[in-house]
Amino acid sequence: MEFKEIISVPGMSGLYKVVANNRAGFIVESLADSKRTIINSNQRIMTLIDIAVYTADGEVPLREIYKKIQSAEGNKLKVDVKGDQAKLRDYFKKLVPNFDEERVYTSDIKKMLTWYELISDKIDFSKVEKTEGDEKSILGEKEEKVTTKSHHEAHGPRVESAKKSTARTRKKV
């Protein structure tokens, strides 16, 4: 299993792995209990590779935080996720010293650490690197680039992939 294959679905607890996709949505498998379910294609889905934590000078990707945790503590957290909120914030401050305390809530920290406990034994974060393939979503969504040709100012831009005009389709001006 790869880090980029793991998704979070808002409104559903836990993490999921995309098993397959069809026209109705995605078939996902829960990492906690291995139950499969269907996610509607209209529902919002976030891959963990796209999640980052706000800092004073930008953002830190979640995979970098998980690398720090794994190198410092291994696969088991030394802090109680359901424990004192002040202790959780202090622990997270050691991991990410400059995180934005106004925009990163304690519930977010709990969620990230709970996710780490779910996937820490399945993934080696020292091998997780961002590659160019990460921009393409595991969900099969494609971004198509529309290239334009130069055009006369009286006419709008022509799209290269548009059908070429013929005598039958061309309008007389």
N, C-alpha and C. Protein backbone atom coordinates (compact mmCIF):
# COMPACT_ATOMS: atom_id res chain seq x y z
N MET A 1 0.85 -1.18 0.00
CA MET A 1 0.00 0.00 0.00
C MET A 1 0.90 1.24 0.00
N GLU A 2 0.48 2.24 -0.76
CA GLU A 2 1.23 3.49 -0.84
C GLU A 2 0.46 4.60 -0.14
N PHE A 3 1.21 5.60 0.29
CA PHE A 3 0.63 6.73 1.01
C PHE A 3 -0.38 7.48 0.14
N LYS A 4 -0.11 7.57 -1.15
CA LYS A 4 -1.00 8.34 -2.03
C LYS A 4 -2.31 7.61 -2.34
N GLU A 5 -2.41 6.33 -1.98
CA GLU A 5 -3.64 5.57 -2.21
C GLU A 5 -4.64 5.72 -1.08
N ILE A 6 -4.23 6.32 0.02
CA ILE A 6 -5.09 6.43 1.20
C ILE A 6 -5.88 7.72 1.14
N ILE A 7 -7.19 7.61 1.40
CA ILE A 7 -8.06 8.79 1.34
C ILE A 7 -8.82 8.96 2.65
N SER A 8 -9.29 10.18 2.82
CA SER A 8 -10.17 10.53 3.93
C SER A 8 -11.46 11.03 3.32
N VAL A 9 -12.57 10.62 3.89
CA VAL A 9 -13.88 11.05 3.40
C VAL A 9 -14.54 11.87 4.50
N PRO A 10 -14.74 13.17 4.26
CA PRO A 10 -15.42 13.99 5.28
C PRO A 10 -16.80 13.43 5.60
N GLY A 11 -17.11 13.35 6.87
CA GLY A 11 -18.39 12.80 7.30
C GLY A 11 -18.32 11.33 7.65
N MET A 12 -17.22 10.67 7.29
CA MET A 12 -17.02 9.26 7.62
C MET A 12 -15.73 9.16 8.43
N SER A 13 -15.77 8.42 9.52
CA SER A 13 -14.58 8.31 10.36
C SER A 13 -13.60 7.33 9.74
N GLY A 14 -12.33 7.52 10.02
CA GLY A 14 -11.30 6.60 9.58
C GLY A 14 -10.72 6.95 8.23
N LEU A 15 -9.84 6.06 7.78
CA LEU A 15 -9.18 6.21 6.49
C LEU A 15 -9.58 5.05 5.59
N TYR A 16 -9.47 5.28 4.29
CA TYR A 16 -9.91 4.29 3.31
C TYR A 16 -8.89 4.15 2.21
N LYS A 17 -8.88 2.98 1.59
CA LYS A 17 -8.06 2.71 0.43
C LYS A 17 -9.00 2.53 -0.76
N VAL A 18 -8.68 3.18 -1.88
CA VAL A 18 -9.50 3.06 -3.07
C VAL A 18 -9.23 1.69 -3.70
N VAL A 19 -10.28 0.89 -3.83
CA VAL A 19 -10.16 -0.44 -4.42
C VAL A 19 -10.46 -0.37 -5.91
N ALA A 20 -11.53 0.32 -6.27
CA ALA A 20 -11.93 0.45 -7.67
C ALA A 20 -12.83 1.66 -7.82
N ASN A 21 -13.04 2.06 -9.06
CA ASN A 21 -14.01 3.12 -9.30
C ASN A 21 -14.93 2.71 -10.43
N ASN A 22 -16.15 3.22 -10.37
CA ASN A 22 -17.13 2.95 -11.41
C ASN A 22 -17.89 4.24 -11.68
N ARG A 23 -18.90 4.17 -12.49
CA ARG A 23 -19.60 5.41 -12.87
C ARG A 23 -20.40 6.00 -11.71
N ALA A 24 -20.77 5.21 -10.74
CA ALA A 24 -21.54 5.71 -9.60
C ALA A 24 -20.65 6.33 -8.54
N GLY A 25 -19.39 5.94 -8.49
CA GLY A 25 -18.49 6.47 -7.47
C GLY A 25 -17.28 5.59 -7.31
N PHE A 26 -16.83 5.45 -6.08
CA PHE A 26 -15.62 4.70 -5.78
C PHE A 26 -15.92 3.60 -4.77
N ILE A 27 -15.28 2.47 -4.97
CA ILE A 27 -15.36 1.39 -4.00
C ILE A 27 -14.12 1.53 -3.12
N VAL A 28 -14.35 1.71 -1.82
CA VAL A 28 -13.25 1.91 -0.89
C VAL A 28 -13.30 0.86 0.21
N GLU A 29 -12.13 0.61 0.79
CA GLU A 29 -12.01 -0.36 1.87
C GLU A 29 -11.48 0.34 3.10
N SER A 30 -12.15 0.18 4.21
CA SER A 30 -11.73 0.80 5.46
C SER A 30 -10.43 0.17 5.94
N LEU A 31 -9.50 1.00 6.40
CA LEU A 31 -8.24 0.48 6.93
C LEU A 31 -8.41 -0.07 8.34
N ALA A 32 -9.44 0.37 9.04
CA ALA A 32 -9.65 -0.08 10.41
C ALA A 32 -10.24 -1.49 10.47
N ASP A 33 -11.30 -1.74 9.69
CA ASP A 33 -11.97 -3.04 9.79
C ASP A 33 -12.09 -3.78 8.46
N SER A 34 -11.49 -3.27 7.40
CA SER A 34 -11.46 -3.90 6.07
C SER A 34 -12.83 -4.09 5.44
N LYS A 35 -13.82 -3.32 5.86
CA LYS A 35 -15.14 -3.38 5.23
C LYS A 35 -15.14 -2.49 3.99
N ARG A 36 -15.81 -2.97 2.96
CA ARG A 36 -15.89 -2.20 1.71
C ARG A 36 -17.21 -1.46 1.64
N THR A 37 -17.15 -0.28 1.05
CA THR A 37 -18.34 0.55 0.87
C THR A 37 -18.20 1.36 -0.40
N ILE A 38 -19.31 1.92 -0.85
CA ILE A 38 -19.30 2.74 -2.06
C ILE A 38 -19.42 4.20 -1.65
N ILE A 39 -18.57 5.02 -2.24
CA ILE A 39 -18.60 6.47 -2.02
C ILE A 39 -19.17 7.10 -3.29
N ASN A 40 -20.18 7.91 -3.14
CA ASN A 40 -20.79 8.59 -4.27
C ASN A 40 -19.77 9.51 -4.94
N SER A 41 -19.82 9.61 -6.26
CA SER A 41 -18.86 10.44 -6.98
C SER A 41 -19.05 11.93 -6.70
N ASN A 42 -20.20 12.32 -6.16
CA ASN A 42 -20.43 13.72 -5.81
C ASN A 42 -19.85 14.09 -4.45
N GLN A 43 -19.51 13.09 -3.66
CA GLN A 43 -19.00 13.33 -2.32
C GLN A 43 -17.54 13.77 -2.38
N ARG A 44 -17.18 14.67 -1.48
CA ARG A 44 -15.81 15.18 -1.44
C ARG A 44 -14.88 14.12 -0.86
N ILE A 45 -13.70 13.98 -1.48
CA ILE A 45 -12.71 13.00 -1.06
C ILE A 45 -11.35 13.70 -1.03
N MET A 46 -10.55 13.40 0.00
CA MET A 46 -9.22 13.99 0.10
C MET A 46 -8.18 12.88 0.22
N THR A 47 -7.16 12.93 -0.63
CA THR A 47 -6.05 12.00 -0.48
C THR A 47 -5.10 12.56 0.57
N LEU A 48 -4.46 11.69 1.33
CA LEU A 48 -3.57 12.15 2.39
C LEU A 48 -2.35 12.88 1.83
N ILE A 49 -1.98 12.57 0.61
CA ILE A 49 -0.82 13.23 0.01
C ILE A 49 -1.10 14.72 -0.23
N ASP A 50 -2.39 15.09 -0.31
CA ASP A 50 -2.76 16.48 -0.56
C ASP A 50 -2.96 17.29 0.72
N ILE A 51 -2.95 16.65 1.87
CA ILE A 51 -3.23 17.34 3.13
C ILE A 51 -1.94 17.93 3.68
N ALA A 52 -2.04 19.17 4.17
CA ALA A 52 -0.89 19.86 4.76
C ALA A 52 -1.34 20.60 6.01
N VAL A 53 -0.37 20.99 6.83
CA VAL A 53 -0.64 21.71 8.08
C VAL A 53 -0.16 23.14 7.90
N TYR A 54 -1.00 24.09 8.30
CA TYR A 54 -0.64 25.50 8.20
C TYR A 54 0.49 25.83 9.16
N THR A 55 1.47 26.58 8.65
CA THR A 55 2.56 27.08 9.49
C THR A 55 2.63 28.59 9.33
N ALA A 56 3.52 29.21 10.09
CA ALA A 56 3.67 30.66 10.01
C ALA A 56 4.20 31.10 8.65
N ASP A 57 4.97 30.26 8.00
CA ASP A 57 5.57 30.62 6.72
C ASP A 57 5.10 29.75 5.56
N GLY A 58 3.94 29.14 5.65
CA GLY A 58 3.41 28.34 4.55
C GLY A 58 2.68 27.12 5.06
N GLU A 59 3.05 25.96 4.48
CA GLU A 59 2.41 24.70 4.84
C GLU A 59 3.46 23.60 4.92
N VAL A 60 3.20 22.61 5.75
CA VAL A 60 4.05 21.42 5.86
C VAL A 60 3.19 20.23 5.47
N PRO A 61 3.63 19.43 4.47
CA PRO A 61 2.83 18.27 4.07
C PRO A 61 2.71 17.25 5.21
N LEU A 62 1.60 16.55 5.24
CA LEU A 62 1.33 15.56 6.28
C LEU A 62 2.37 14.45 6.27
N ARG A 63 2.85 14.08 5.10
CA ARG A 63 3.85 13.01 5.02
C ARG A 63 5.15 13.40 5.73
N GLU A 64 5.51 14.71 5.73
CA GLU A 64 6.72 15.16 6.43
C GLU A 64 6.54 15.04 7.94
N ILE A 65 5.36 15.35 8.42
CA ILE A 65 5.07 15.22 9.86
C ILE A 65 5.13 13.75 10.26
N TYR A 66 4.56 12.89 9.42
CA TYR A 66 4.58 11.46 9.72
C TYR A 66 6.00 10.90 9.68
N LYS A 67 6.86 11.43 8.81
CA LYS A 67 8.26 11.01 8.78
C LYS A 67 8.95 11.35 10.10
N LYS A 68 8.67 12.56 10.61
CA LYS A 68 9.27 12.98 11.88
C LYS A 68 8.81 12.09 13.03
N ILE A 69 7.53 11.77 13.05
CA ILE A 69 7.00 10.91 14.12
C ILE A 69 7.64 9.53 14.04
N GLN A 70 7.71 8.97 12.83
CA GLN A 70 8.24 7.61 12.69
C GLN A 70 9.73 7.55 13.03
N SER A 71 10.48 8.58 12.66
CA SER A 71 11.91 8.57 12.99
C SER A 71 12.14 8.78 14.49
N ALA A 72 11.26 9.54 15.14
CA ALA A 72 11.43 9.82 16.57
C ALA A 72 10.88 8.70 17.46
N GLU A 73 9.73 8.15 17.09
CA GLU A 73 9.04 7.22 18.00
C GLU A 73 8.78 5.84 17.43
N GLY A 74 8.99 5.65 16.15
CA GLY A 74 8.67 4.36 15.56
C GLY A 74 7.19 4.30 15.20
N ASN A 75 6.60 3.12 15.30
CA ASN A 75 5.21 2.95 14.89
C ASN A 75 4.20 3.19 16.00
N LYS A 76 4.64 3.41 17.21
CA LYS A 76 3.72 3.61 18.33
C LYS A 76 3.92 5.00 18.92
N LEU A 77 2.82 5.74 19.05
CA LEU A 77 2.87 7.08 19.64
C LEU A 77 3.08 7.00 21.15
N LYS A 78 3.86 7.94 21.68
CA LYS A 78 4.09 7.99 23.12
C LYS A 78 3.09 8.89 23.83
N VAL A 79 2.28 9.58 23.06
CA VAL A 79 1.28 10.49 23.63
C VAL A 79 -0.10 9.85 23.47
N ASP A 80 -0.96 10.08 24.45
CA ASP A 80 -2.33 9.57 24.40
C ASP A 80 -3.18 10.52 23.57
N VAL A 81 -3.72 10.02 22.47
CA VAL A 81 -4.50 10.85 21.56
C VAL A 81 -5.78 11.35 22.24
N LYS A 82 -6.34 10.55 23.13
CA LYS A 82 -7.58 10.93 23.80
C LYS A 82 -7.32 11.64 25.13
N GLY A 83 -6.07 11.99 25.37
CA GLY A 83 -5.70 12.61 26.63
C GLY A 83 -5.91 14.11 26.64
N ASP A 84 -5.10 14.78 27.45
CA ASP A 84 -5.19 16.22 27.67
C ASP A 84 -4.87 17.00 26.39
N GLN A 85 -5.68 18.01 26.11
CA GLN A 85 -5.49 18.82 24.90
C GLN A 85 -4.18 19.61 24.95
N ALA A 86 -3.81 20.10 26.11
CA ALA A 86 -2.57 20.87 26.24
C ALA A 86 -1.36 20.00 25.94
N LYS A 87 -1.39 18.75 26.39
CA LYS A 87 -0.28 17.82 26.11
C LYS A 87 -0.19 17.52 24.62
N LEU A 88 -1.35 17.36 23.97
CA LEU A 88 -1.36 17.11 22.52
C LEU A 88 -0.76 18.29 21.76
N ARG A 89 -1.14 19.50 22.14
CA ARG A 89 -0.62 20.69 21.47
C ARG A 89 0.89 20.83 21.70
N ASP A 90 1.36 20.54 22.91
CA ASP A 90 2.80 20.60 23.20
C ASP A 90 3.56 19.56 22.38
N TYR A 91 3.00 18.36 22.30
CA TYR A 91 3.62 17.30 21.51
C TYR A 91 3.70 17.70 20.04
N PHE A 92 2.62 18.27 19.51
CA PHE A 92 2.60 18.67 18.11
C PHE A 92 3.55 19.84 17.87
N LYS A 93 3.70 20.71 18.86
CA LYS A 93 4.61 21.85 18.75
C LYS A 93 6.06 21.36 18.64
N LYS A 94 6.38 20.22 19.27
CA LYS A 94 7.72 19.64 19.14
C LYS A 94 7.95 19.13 17.72
N LEU A 95 6.89 18.58 17.11
CA LEU A 95 7.00 18.06 15.74
C LEU A 95 7.07 19.17 14.71
N VAL A 96 6.16 20.13 14.84
CA VAL A 96 6.08 21.26 13.91
C VAL A 96 6.13 22.54 14.75
N PRO A 97 7.34 23.05 15.01
CA PRO A 97 7.46 24.17 15.95
C PRO A 97 6.74 25.45 15.51
N ASN A 98 6.62 25.66 14.23
CA ASN A 98 6.03 26.92 13.76
C ASN A 98 4.62 26.75 13.20
N PHE A 99 3.86 25.75 13.67
CA PHE A 99 2.50 25.57 13.14
C PHE A 99 1.61 26.72 13.62
N ASP A 100 0.65 27.07 12.79
CA ASP A 100 -0.25 28.18 13.08
C ASP A 100 -1.28 27.74 14.11
N GLU A 101 -1.13 28.23 15.33
CA GLU A 101 -1.98 27.76 16.43
C GLU A 101 -3.42 28.25 16.32
N GLU A 102 -3.65 29.29 15.54
CA GLU A 102 -5.02 29.79 15.37
C GLU A 102 -5.80 28.97 14.34
N ARG A 103 -5.12 28.47 13.33
CA ARG A 103 -5.82 27.75 12.26
C ARG A 103 -5.77 26.24 12.41
N VAL A 104 -4.86 25.72 13.22
CA VAL A 104 -4.79 24.27 13.45
C VAL A 104 -5.42 23.99 14.81
N TYR A 105 -6.57 23.35 14.77
CA TYR A 105 -7.33 23.07 15.99
C TYR A 105 -6.86 21.77 16.64
N THR A 106 -7.20 21.61 17.90
CA THR A 106 -6.86 20.39 18.62
C THR A 106 -7.53 19.18 17.98
N SER A 107 -8.73 19.35 17.47
CA SER A 107 -9.42 18.24 16.79
C SER A 107 -8.65 17.80 15.55
N ASP A 108 -8.01 18.75 14.85
CA ASP A 108 -7.19 18.40 13.69
C ASP A 108 -5.97 17.59 14.11
N ILE A 109 -5.36 18.00 15.21
CA ILE A 109 -4.18 17.29 15.71
C ILE A 109 -4.57 15.87 16.12
N LYS A 110 -5.70 15.72 16.81
CA LYS A 110 -6.18 14.39 17.20
C LYS A 110 -6.41 13.51 15.98
N LYS A 111 -7.03 14.10 14.96
CA LYS A 111 -7.33 13.35 13.75
C LYS A 111 -6.04 12.89 13.07
N MET A 112 -5.05 13.78 12.95
CA MET A 112 -3.79 13.41 12.30
C MET A 112 -3.06 12.31 13.06
N LEU A 113 -3.05 12.41 14.38
CA LEU A 113 -2.36 11.40 15.19
C LEU A 113 -3.11 10.06 15.18
N THR A 114 -4.44 10.11 15.15
CA THR A 114 -5.23 8.88 15.04
C THR A 114 -4.98 8.21 13.69
N TRP A 115 -4.91 9.00 12.64
CA TRP A 115 -4.60 8.46 11.32
C TRP A 115 -3.22 7.81 11.32
N TYR A 116 -2.26 8.46 11.99
CA TYR A 116 -0.91 7.89 12.05
C TYR A 116 -0.94 6.51 12.70
N GLU A 117 -1.70 6.37 13.78
CA GLU A 117 -1.79 5.07 14.44
C GLU A 117 -2.39 4.00 13.53
N LEU A 118 -3.32 4.42 12.65
CA LEU A 118 -3.94 3.47 11.72
C LEU A 118 -2.97 2.96 10.65
N ILE A 119 -2.13 3.85 10.14
CA ILE A 119 -1.31 3.49 8.97
C ILE A 119 0.17 3.31 9.26
N SER A 120 0.61 3.55 10.49
CA SER A 120 2.04 3.52 10.79
C SER A 120 2.68 2.15 10.55
N ASP A 121 1.96 1.08 10.82
CA ASP A 121 2.53 -0.25 10.62
C ASP A 121 2.42 -0.73 9.17
N LYS A 122 1.68 0.00 8.34
CA LYS A 122 1.48 -0.40 6.95
C LYS A 122 2.39 0.34 5.97
N ILE A 123 2.93 1.50 6.39
CA ILE A 123 3.70 2.35 5.49
C ILE A 123 5.00 2.76 6.15
N ASP A 124 6.10 2.71 5.37
CA ASP A 124 7.38 3.23 5.83
C ASP A 124 7.50 4.65 5.29
N PHE A 125 7.38 5.64 6.16
CA PHE A 125 7.34 7.03 5.73
C PHE A 125 8.69 7.55 5.28
N SER A 126 9.77 6.85 5.61
CA SER A 126 11.09 7.29 5.13
C SER A 126 11.20 7.10 3.62
N LYS A 127 10.38 6.23 3.05
CA LYS A 127 10.41 5.98 1.61
C LYS A 127 9.36 6.79 0.85
N VAL A 128 8.50 7.50 1.56
CA VAL A 128 7.44 8.28 0.91
C VAL A 128 8.02 9.60 0.45
N GLU A 129 8.04 9.80 -0.84
CA GLU A 129 8.53 11.05 -1.43
C GLU A 129 7.49 11.55 -2.41
N LYS A 130 7.45 12.86 -2.58
CA LYS A 130 6.53 13.43 -3.56
C LYS A 130 7.17 13.28 -4.92
N THR A 131 6.45 12.68 -5.83
CA THR A 131 6.92 12.53 -7.20
C THR A 131 5.97 13.24 -8.13
N GLU A 132 6.36 13.32 -9.39
CA GLU A 132 5.50 14.00 -10.35
C GLU A 132 4.19 13.25 -10.55
N GLY A 133 4.18 11.96 -10.32
CA GLY A 133 2.96 11.17 -10.46
C GLY A 133 1.92 11.47 -9.40
N ASP A 134 2.35 12.14 -8.30
CA ASP A 134 1.41 12.45 -7.23
C ASP A 134 0.41 13.52 -7.63
N GLU A 135 0.77 14.34 -8.63
CA GLU A 135 -0.19 15.35 -9.06
C GLU A 135 -1.41 14.70 -9.71
N LYS A 136 -1.21 13.55 -10.32
CA LYS A 136 -2.35 12.82 -10.89
C LYS A 136 -3.00 12.06 -9.76
N SER A 137 -4.24 12.29 -9.57
CA SER A 137 -4.96 11.71 -8.44
C SER A 137 -5.12 10.21 -8.61
N ILE A 138 -5.08 9.51 -7.53
CA ILE A 138 -5.30 8.06 -7.53
C ILE A 138 -6.74 7.75 -7.91
N LEU A 139 -7.59 8.74 -7.83
CA LEU A 139 -9.01 8.54 -8.08
C LEU A 139 -9.35 8.50 -9.57
N GLY A 140 -8.37 8.71 -10.43
CA GLY A 140 -8.60 8.60 -11.85
C GLY A 140 -9.09 9.88 -12.50
N GLU A 141 -9.04 10.98 -11.78
CA GLU A 141 -9.47 12.24 -12.37
C GLU A 141 -8.33 12.78 -13.22
N LYS A 142 -8.67 13.32 -14.37
CA LYS A 142 -7.66 13.86 -15.26
C LYS A 142 -7.93 15.33 -15.48
N GLU A 143 -6.85 16.09 -15.49
CA GLU A 143 -6.97 17.50 -15.84
C GLU A 143 -6.49 17.64 -17.28
N GLU A 144 -7.37 18.11 -18.11
CA GLU A 144 -7.01 18.28 -19.50
C GLU A 144 -6.62 19.73 -19.74
N LYS A 145 -5.51 19.90 -20.45
CA LYS A 145 -5.07 21.24 -20.77
C LYS A 145 -5.69 21.65 -22.10
N VAL A 146 -6.18 22.85 -22.14
CA VAL A 146 -6.75 23.38 -23.36
C VAL A 146 -5.75 24.36 -23.93
N THR A 147 -5.25 24.05 -25.10
CA THR A 147 -4.29 24.94 -25.73
C THR A 147 -5.01 25.81 -26.74
N THR A 148 -4.57 27.03 -26.85
CA THR A 148 -5.21 27.95 -27.77
C THR A 148 -4.23 28.40 -28.83
N LYS A 149 -4.74 28.68 -29.99
CA LYS A 149 -3.94 29.23 -31.07
C LYS A 149 -4.13 30.73 -31.07
N SER A 150 -3.25 31.39 -31.77
CA SER A 150 -3.44 32.83 -31.90
C SER A 150 -4.69 33.07 -32.72
N HIS A 151 -5.35 34.17 -32.49
CA HIS A 151 -6.62 34.41 -33.14
C HIS A 151 -6.77 35.88 -33.48
N HIS A 152 -7.68 36.13 -34.36
CA HIS A 152 -7.99 37.50 -34.74
C HIS A 152 -8.79 38.13 -33.61
N GLU A 153 -8.59 39.41 -33.37
CA GLU A 153 -9.24 40.07 -32.24
C GLU A 153 -10.76 40.07 -32.32
N ALA A 154 -11.31 39.94 -33.51
CA ALA A 154 -12.77 39.94 -33.65
C ALA A 154 -13.37 38.58 -33.29
N HIS A 155 -12.55 37.55 -33.29
CA HIS A 155 -13.02 36.21 -32.99
C HIS A 155 -12.41 35.75 -31.67
N GLY A 156 -13.09 34.86 -30.98
CA GLY A 156 -12.57 34.31 -29.74
C GLY A 156 -11.45 33.32 -30.02
N PRO A 157 -10.79 32.85 -28.99
CA PRO A 157 -9.71 31.88 -29.18
C PRO A 157 -10.27 30.56 -29.69
N ARG A 158 -9.50 29.92 -30.55
CA ARG A 158 -9.89 28.62 -31.07
C ARG A 158 -9.19 27.54 -30.27
N VAL A 159 -9.92 26.55 -29.91
CA VAL A 159 -9.34 25.44 -29.18
C VAL A 159 -8.82 24.44 -30.20
N GLU A 160 -7.57 23.96 -30.00
CA GLU A 160 -6.96 23.03 -30.95
C GLU A 160 -7.77 21.75 -31.11
N SER A 161 -8.34 21.28 -30.02
CA SER A 161 -9.05 20.01 -30.08
C SER A 161 -10.45 20.14 -30.68
N ALA A 162 -10.87 21.37 -30.98
CA ALA A 162 -12.19 21.57 -31.57
C ALA A 162 -12.21 21.00 -32.99
N LYS A 163 -13.38 20.61 -33.42
CA LYS A 163 -13.53 20.03 -34.75
C LYS A 163 -13.21 21.09 -35.80
N LYS A 164 -12.48 20.69 -36.80
CA LYS A 164 -12.14 21.61 -37.89
C LYS A 164 -13.41 21.96 -38.65
N SER A 165 -13.51 23.21 -39.05
CA SER A 165 -14.71 23.61 -39.78
C SER A 165 -14.61 23.14 -41.23
N THR A 166 -15.75 22.81 -41.78
CA THR A 166 -15.83 22.40 -43.17
C THR A 166 -16.81 23.33 -43.87
N ALA A 167 -16.99 23.10 -45.13
CA ALA A 167 -17.91 23.95 -45.89
C ALA A 167 -19.33 23.84 -45.34
N ARG A 168 -19.70 22.68 -44.84
CA ARG A 168 -21.05 22.50 -44.33
C ARG A 168 -21.23 23.14 -42.95
N THR A 169 -20.19 23.12 -42.13
CA THR A 169 -20.33 23.62 -40.77
C THR A 169 -19.97 25.09 -40.63
N ARG A 170 -19.32 25.67 -41.61
CA ARG A 170 -18.89 27.05 -41.52
C ARG A 170 -20.06 27.99 -41.77
N LYS A 171 -20.18 29.01 -40.93
CA LYS A 171 -21.22 30.01 -41.12
C LYS A 171 -20.69 31.12 -42.01
N LYS A 172 -21.57 31.67 -42.78
CA LYS A 172 -21.18 32.82 -43.60
C LYS A 172 -21.34 34.06 -42.77
N VAL A 173 -20.36 34.92 -42.84
CA VAL A 173 -20.40 36.14 -42.05
C VAL A 173 -20.83 37.31 -42.88
